[in-house]
Amino acid sequence: MNLKNFFMLLCCAGLTIIACKKDEDQPAPVACFVIEHEVVNAGETAHFTSCATDAHHFEWNFGDAATSPDVIPTHIYNTAGTYSVAQHVFNADMSKSDMTTDTIIVN
């Protein structure tokens, strides 16, 4: 085997090892968020702040069929009621996730 072919084989082996890193190497995200005001009036803007760790992708569900991919979303509820807000977070390669919920009351 000549030196050029050996070098190519060595590079391919190294790339394969890097590409096959174990899933455990990526930390699992932990979902966490705070609602600025847990009681708001219909038509007011509700503010949500993420305190999630190791999260790279976000999916919010505001309990009224509205969603958002934002890290720090806002939402306007037009109808009074009690809504369950869910935050679903994912790690960088979307292989691990976590979810948490909280309640907001709209007068």
N, C-alpha and C. Protein backbone atom coordinates (compact mmCIF):
# COMPACT_ATOMS: atom_id res chain seq x y z
N MET A 1 0.86 -1.17 0.00
CA MET A 1 0.00 0.00 0.00
C MET A 1 0.91 1.23 0.00
N ASN A 2 0.65 2.14 -0.93
CA ASN A 2 1.49 3.32 -0.97
C ASN A 2 1.05 4.33 0.09
N LEU A 3 1.86 5.32 0.34
CA LEU A 3 1.64 6.30 1.40
C LEU A 3 0.34 7.09 1.19
N LYS A 4 0.04 7.43 -0.05
CA LYS A 4 -1.18 8.19 -0.35
C LYS A 4 -2.42 7.38 0.03
N ASN A 5 -2.48 6.12 -0.34
CA ASN A 5 -3.63 5.28 -0.01
C ASN A 5 -3.74 5.06 1.50
N PHE A 6 -2.58 4.90 2.16
CA PHE A 6 -2.59 4.73 3.61
C PHE A 6 -3.17 5.97 4.30
N PHE A 7 -2.75 7.15 3.84
CA PHE A 7 -3.25 8.40 4.40
C PHE A 7 -4.76 8.53 4.19
N MET A 8 -5.23 8.19 3.00
CA MET A 8 -6.68 8.25 2.71
C MET A 8 -7.45 7.29 3.61
N LEU A 9 -6.92 6.09 3.81
CA LEU A 9 -7.56 5.11 4.67
C LEU A 9 -7.60 5.61 6.12
N LEU A 10 -6.52 6.20 6.57
CA LEU A 10 -6.44 6.73 7.92
C LEU A 10 -7.45 7.87 8.12
N CYS A 11 -7.57 8.76 7.16
CA CYS A 11 -8.55 9.86 7.25
C CYS A 11 -9.98 9.32 7.28
N CYS A 12 -10.27 8.35 6.41
CA CYS A 12 -11.62 7.78 6.40
C CYS A 12 -11.96 7.11 7.71
N ALA A 13 -11.01 6.42 8.29
CA ALA A 13 -11.24 5.75 9.58
C ALA A 13 -11.49 6.79 10.66
N GLY A 14 -10.72 7.86 10.65
CA GLY A 14 -10.92 8.93 11.64
C GLY A 14 -12.27 9.59 11.50
N LEU A 15 -12.70 9.86 10.29
CA LEU A 15 -14.02 10.47 10.07
C LEU A 15 -15.13 9.52 10.50
N THR A 16 -14.95 8.25 10.26
CA THR A 16 -15.96 7.27 10.68
C THR A 16 -16.09 7.25 12.19
N ILE A 17 -14.99 7.30 12.89
CA ILE A 17 -15.03 7.30 14.35
C ILE A 17 -15.72 8.55 14.86
N ILE A 18 -15.42 9.70 14.28
CA ILE A 18 -16.06 10.96 14.69
C ILE A 18 -17.55 10.91 14.40
N ALA A 19 -17.93 10.42 13.22
CA ALA A 19 -19.34 10.38 12.84
C ALA A 19 -20.14 9.40 13.68
N CYS A 20 -19.49 8.41 14.25
CA CYS A 20 -20.18 7.39 15.02
C CYS A 20 -20.08 7.63 16.52
N LYS A 21 -19.89 8.85 16.93
CA LYS A 21 -19.84 9.15 18.37
C LYS A 21 -21.09 8.61 19.04
N LYS A 22 -20.93 8.10 20.22
CA LYS A 22 -22.06 7.56 20.95
C LYS A 22 -23.06 8.65 21.29
N ASP A 23 -24.32 8.28 21.28
CA ASP A 23 -25.41 9.19 21.61
C ASP A 23 -25.25 9.74 23.03
N GLU A 24 -24.63 8.95 23.90
CA GLU A 24 -24.46 9.38 25.29
C GLU A 24 -23.55 10.59 25.40
N ASP A 25 -22.77 10.89 24.37
CA ASP A 25 -21.86 12.02 24.42
C ASP A 25 -22.61 13.35 24.44
N GLN A 26 -23.81 13.38 23.93
CA GLN A 26 -24.60 14.60 23.93
C GLN A 26 -25.48 14.63 25.18
N PRO A 27 -25.40 15.71 25.95
CA PRO A 27 -26.23 15.78 27.15
C PRO A 27 -27.71 15.87 26.79
N ALA A 28 -28.52 15.31 27.64
CA ALA A 28 -29.97 15.40 27.45
C ALA A 28 -30.44 16.79 27.86
N PRO A 29 -31.33 17.40 27.10
CA PRO A 29 -31.85 18.71 27.48
C PRO A 29 -32.81 18.58 28.66
N VAL A 30 -32.95 19.66 29.38
CA VAL A 30 -33.91 19.71 30.48
C VAL A 30 -34.84 20.90 30.23
N ALA A 31 -36.12 20.62 30.08
CA ALA A 31 -37.10 21.67 29.82
C ALA A 31 -37.37 22.48 31.08
N CYS A 32 -37.54 23.77 30.91
CA CYS A 32 -37.81 24.67 32.04
C CYS A 32 -38.26 26.01 31.47
N PHE A 33 -39.33 26.57 32.03
CA PHE A 33 -39.73 27.91 31.62
C PHE A 33 -40.48 28.61 32.73
N VAL A 34 -40.53 29.93 32.60
CA VAL A 34 -41.21 30.79 33.57
C VAL A 34 -42.24 31.61 32.81
N ILE A 35 -43.43 31.72 33.39
CA ILE A 35 -44.46 32.59 32.84
C ILE A 35 -44.38 33.92 33.59
N GLU A 36 -44.21 35.03 32.86
CA GLU A 36 -44.04 36.33 33.52
C GLU A 36 -45.19 36.65 34.46
N HIS A 37 -46.41 36.51 33.97
CA HIS A 37 -47.60 36.71 34.80
C HIS A 37 -48.50 35.50 34.58
N GLU A 38 -48.79 34.78 35.65
CA GLU A 38 -49.59 33.56 35.50
C GLU A 38 -51.07 33.85 35.32
N VAL A 39 -51.46 35.12 35.49
CA VAL A 39 -52.83 35.55 35.22
C VAL A 39 -52.74 36.79 34.32
N VAL A 40 -53.39 36.72 33.15
CA VAL A 40 -53.42 37.85 32.22
C VAL A 40 -54.86 38.06 31.76
N ASN A 41 -55.10 39.22 31.19
CA ASN A 41 -56.41 39.51 30.62
C ASN A 41 -56.43 39.12 29.15
N ALA A 42 -57.59 38.72 28.66
CA ALA A 42 -57.74 38.39 27.24
C ALA A 42 -57.30 39.60 26.42
N GLY A 43 -56.52 39.35 25.38
CA GLY A 43 -56.02 40.42 24.52
C GLY A 43 -54.65 40.95 24.94
N GLU A 44 -54.19 40.64 26.14
CA GLU A 44 -52.87 41.06 26.59
C GLU A 44 -51.82 40.06 26.11
N THR A 45 -50.60 40.52 26.03
CA THR A 45 -49.50 39.65 25.62
C THR A 45 -48.95 38.90 26.83
N ALA A 46 -48.90 37.59 26.72
CA ALA A 46 -48.28 36.75 27.76
C ALA A 46 -46.84 36.50 27.35
N HIS A 47 -45.92 36.60 28.32
CA HIS A 47 -44.49 36.43 28.06
C HIS A 47 -43.99 35.16 28.75
N PHE A 48 -43.22 34.38 28.00
CA PHE A 48 -42.65 33.13 28.50
C PHE A 48 -41.13 33.19 28.34
N THR A 49 -40.40 32.78 29.36
CA THR A 49 -38.94 32.79 29.31
C THR A 49 -38.43 31.37 29.56
N SER A 50 -37.61 30.89 28.65
CA SER A 50 -37.04 29.56 28.81
C SER A 50 -35.85 29.60 29.75
N CYS A 51 -35.79 28.60 30.63
CA CYS A 51 -34.61 28.39 31.48
C CYS A 51 -34.08 26.97 31.22
N ALA A 52 -34.42 26.43 30.05
CA ALA A 52 -34.00 25.08 29.67
C ALA A 52 -32.49 25.02 29.53
N THR A 53 -31.93 23.85 29.81
CA THR A 53 -30.50 23.64 29.65
C THR A 53 -30.23 22.60 28.58
N ASP A 54 -29.13 22.78 27.87
CA ASP A 54 -28.70 21.89 26.79
C ASP A 54 -29.76 21.71 25.71
N ALA A 55 -30.60 22.72 25.51
CA ALA A 55 -31.66 22.67 24.50
C ALA A 55 -31.24 23.49 23.28
N HIS A 56 -31.50 22.94 22.09
CA HIS A 56 -31.15 23.62 20.85
C HIS A 56 -32.36 23.86 19.96
N HIS A 57 -33.43 23.12 20.17
CA HIS A 57 -34.66 23.27 19.39
C HIS A 57 -35.83 23.32 20.37
N PHE A 58 -36.77 24.21 20.09
CA PHE A 58 -37.89 24.44 21.00
C PHE A 58 -39.21 24.28 20.27
N GLU A 59 -40.17 23.68 20.95
CA GLU A 59 -41.55 23.59 20.47
C GLU A 59 -42.45 23.98 21.63
N TRP A 60 -43.15 25.07 21.47
CA TRP A 60 -44.10 25.54 22.49
C TRP A 60 -45.51 25.26 22.00
N ASN A 61 -46.37 24.87 22.93
CA ASN A 61 -47.80 24.73 22.65
C ASN A 61 -48.51 25.53 23.73
N PHE A 62 -49.27 26.53 23.32
CA PHE A 62 -49.88 27.46 24.27
C PHE A 62 -51.25 27.02 24.78
N GLY A 63 -51.70 25.84 24.37
CA GLY A 63 -52.94 25.30 24.89
C GLY A 63 -54.19 25.73 24.16
N ASP A 64 -54.02 26.59 23.16
CA ASP A 64 -55.17 27.06 22.38
C ASP A 64 -54.95 26.83 20.89
N ALA A 65 -54.17 25.81 20.57
CA ALA A 65 -53.82 25.40 19.20
C ALA A 65 -52.70 26.24 18.60
N ALA A 66 -52.22 27.26 19.30
CA ALA A 66 -51.10 28.06 18.80
C ALA A 66 -49.79 27.45 19.28
N THR A 67 -48.75 27.55 18.44
CA THR A 67 -47.43 27.01 18.75
C THR A 67 -46.36 28.02 18.38
N SER A 68 -45.12 27.75 18.83
CA SER A 68 -43.99 28.61 18.50
C SER A 68 -42.69 27.83 18.63
N PRO A 69 -41.70 28.12 17.75
CA PRO A 69 -40.37 27.52 17.88
C PRO A 69 -39.38 28.45 18.59
N ASP A 70 -39.83 29.59 19.07
CA ASP A 70 -38.95 30.59 19.66
C ASP A 70 -38.43 30.16 21.03
N VAL A 71 -37.27 30.66 21.39
CA VAL A 71 -36.70 30.38 22.71
C VAL A 71 -37.47 31.15 23.78
N ILE A 72 -37.77 32.41 23.49
CA ILE A 72 -38.48 33.28 24.44
C ILE A 72 -39.72 33.83 23.71
N PRO A 73 -40.80 33.05 23.68
CA PRO A 73 -41.97 33.47 22.91
C PRO A 73 -42.92 34.37 23.70
N THR A 74 -43.79 35.00 22.96
CA THR A 74 -44.93 35.72 23.53
C THR A 74 -46.17 35.18 22.84
N HIS A 75 -47.32 35.38 23.49
CA HIS A 75 -48.56 34.89 22.91
C HIS A 75 -49.72 35.73 23.43
N ILE A 76 -50.69 35.96 22.58
CA ILE A 76 -51.90 36.68 22.98
C ILE A 76 -53.07 35.69 22.99
N TYR A 77 -53.69 35.56 24.17
CA TYR A 77 -54.89 34.74 24.32
C TYR A 77 -56.09 35.65 24.13
N ASN A 78 -56.99 35.28 23.24
CA ASN A 78 -58.16 36.11 22.97
C ASN A 78 -59.41 35.67 23.72
N THR A 79 -59.36 34.49 24.33
CA THR A 79 -60.52 33.95 25.02
C THR A 79 -60.15 33.61 26.46
N ALA A 80 -61.01 34.01 27.39
CA ALA A 80 -60.78 33.70 28.80
C ALA A 80 -60.79 32.19 29.02
N GLY A 81 -60.00 31.76 29.98
CA GLY A 81 -59.95 30.34 30.31
C GLY A 81 -58.64 29.99 30.99
N THR A 82 -58.49 28.73 31.30
CA THR A 82 -57.25 28.22 31.88
C THR A 82 -56.58 27.36 30.82
N TYR A 83 -55.32 27.67 30.54
CA TYR A 83 -54.60 27.01 29.47
C TYR A 83 -53.36 26.30 30.00
N SER A 84 -53.10 25.11 29.49
CA SER A 84 -51.89 24.37 29.82
C SER A 84 -50.85 24.67 28.74
N VAL A 85 -49.74 25.29 29.16
CA VAL A 85 -48.66 25.65 28.25
C VAL A 85 -47.59 24.57 28.35
N ALA A 86 -47.15 24.06 27.19
CA ALA A 86 -46.13 23.01 27.16
C ALA A 86 -44.89 23.49 26.40
N GLN A 87 -43.73 23.18 26.96
CA GLN A 87 -42.46 23.43 26.29
C GLN A 87 -41.80 22.08 26.06
N HIS A 88 -41.47 21.80 24.80
CA HIS A 88 -40.80 20.56 24.43
C HIS A 88 -39.45 20.99 23.85
N VAL A 89 -38.35 20.50 24.44
CA VAL A 89 -37.02 20.88 23.99
C VAL A 89 -36.24 19.66 23.51
N PHE A 90 -35.32 19.91 22.59
CA PHE A 90 -34.53 18.86 21.97
C PHE A 90 -33.05 19.23 21.99
N ASN A 91 -32.17 18.21 22.01
CA ASN A 91 -30.74 18.48 21.91
C ASN A 91 -30.40 18.80 20.45
N ALA A 92 -29.11 19.01 20.18
CA ALA A 92 -28.68 19.49 18.86
C ALA A 92 -29.06 18.55 17.72
N ASP A 93 -28.95 17.24 17.91
CA ASP A 93 -29.27 16.32 16.81
C ASP A 93 -30.69 15.74 16.91
N MET A 94 -31.48 16.31 17.81
CA MET A 94 -32.89 15.93 17.98
C MET A 94 -33.06 14.49 18.48
N SER A 95 -32.00 13.90 19.06
CA SER A 95 -32.08 12.51 19.52
C SER A 95 -32.60 12.39 20.95
N LYS A 96 -32.55 13.49 21.70
CA LYS A 96 -33.03 13.48 23.08
C LYS A 96 -33.94 14.68 23.29
N SER A 97 -34.93 14.50 24.17
CA SER A 97 -35.87 15.59 24.42
C SER A 97 -36.39 15.55 25.85
N ASP A 98 -37.03 16.64 26.22
CA ASP A 98 -37.68 16.74 27.52
C ASP A 98 -38.87 17.69 27.36
N MET A 99 -39.84 17.56 28.24
CA MET A 99 -41.02 18.40 28.15
C MET A 99 -41.51 18.76 29.55
N THR A 100 -42.03 19.98 29.66
CA THR A 100 -42.64 20.41 30.92
C THR A 100 -43.86 21.26 30.60
N THR A 101 -44.76 21.37 31.57
CA THR A 101 -45.98 22.16 31.38
C THR A 101 -46.21 23.07 32.58
N ASP A 102 -46.98 24.11 32.35
CA ASP A 102 -47.44 25.00 33.42
C ASP A 102 -48.78 25.56 32.98
N THR A 103 -49.45 26.25 33.88
CA THR A 103 -50.79 26.74 33.60
C THR A 103 -50.82 28.26 33.61
N ILE A 104 -51.57 28.84 32.68
CA ILE A 104 -51.80 30.28 32.66
C ILE A 104 -53.32 30.50 32.67
N ILE A 105 -53.73 31.50 33.42
CA ILE A 105 -55.16 31.83 33.52
C ILE A 105 -55.40 33.14 32.79
N VAL A 106 -56.40 33.13 31.92
CA VAL A 106 -56.76 34.30 31.13
C VAL A 106 -58.14 34.76 31.56
N ASN A 107 -58.21 36.00 32.05
CA ASN A 107 -59.51 36.58 32.48
C ASN A 107 -60.19 37.29 31.33
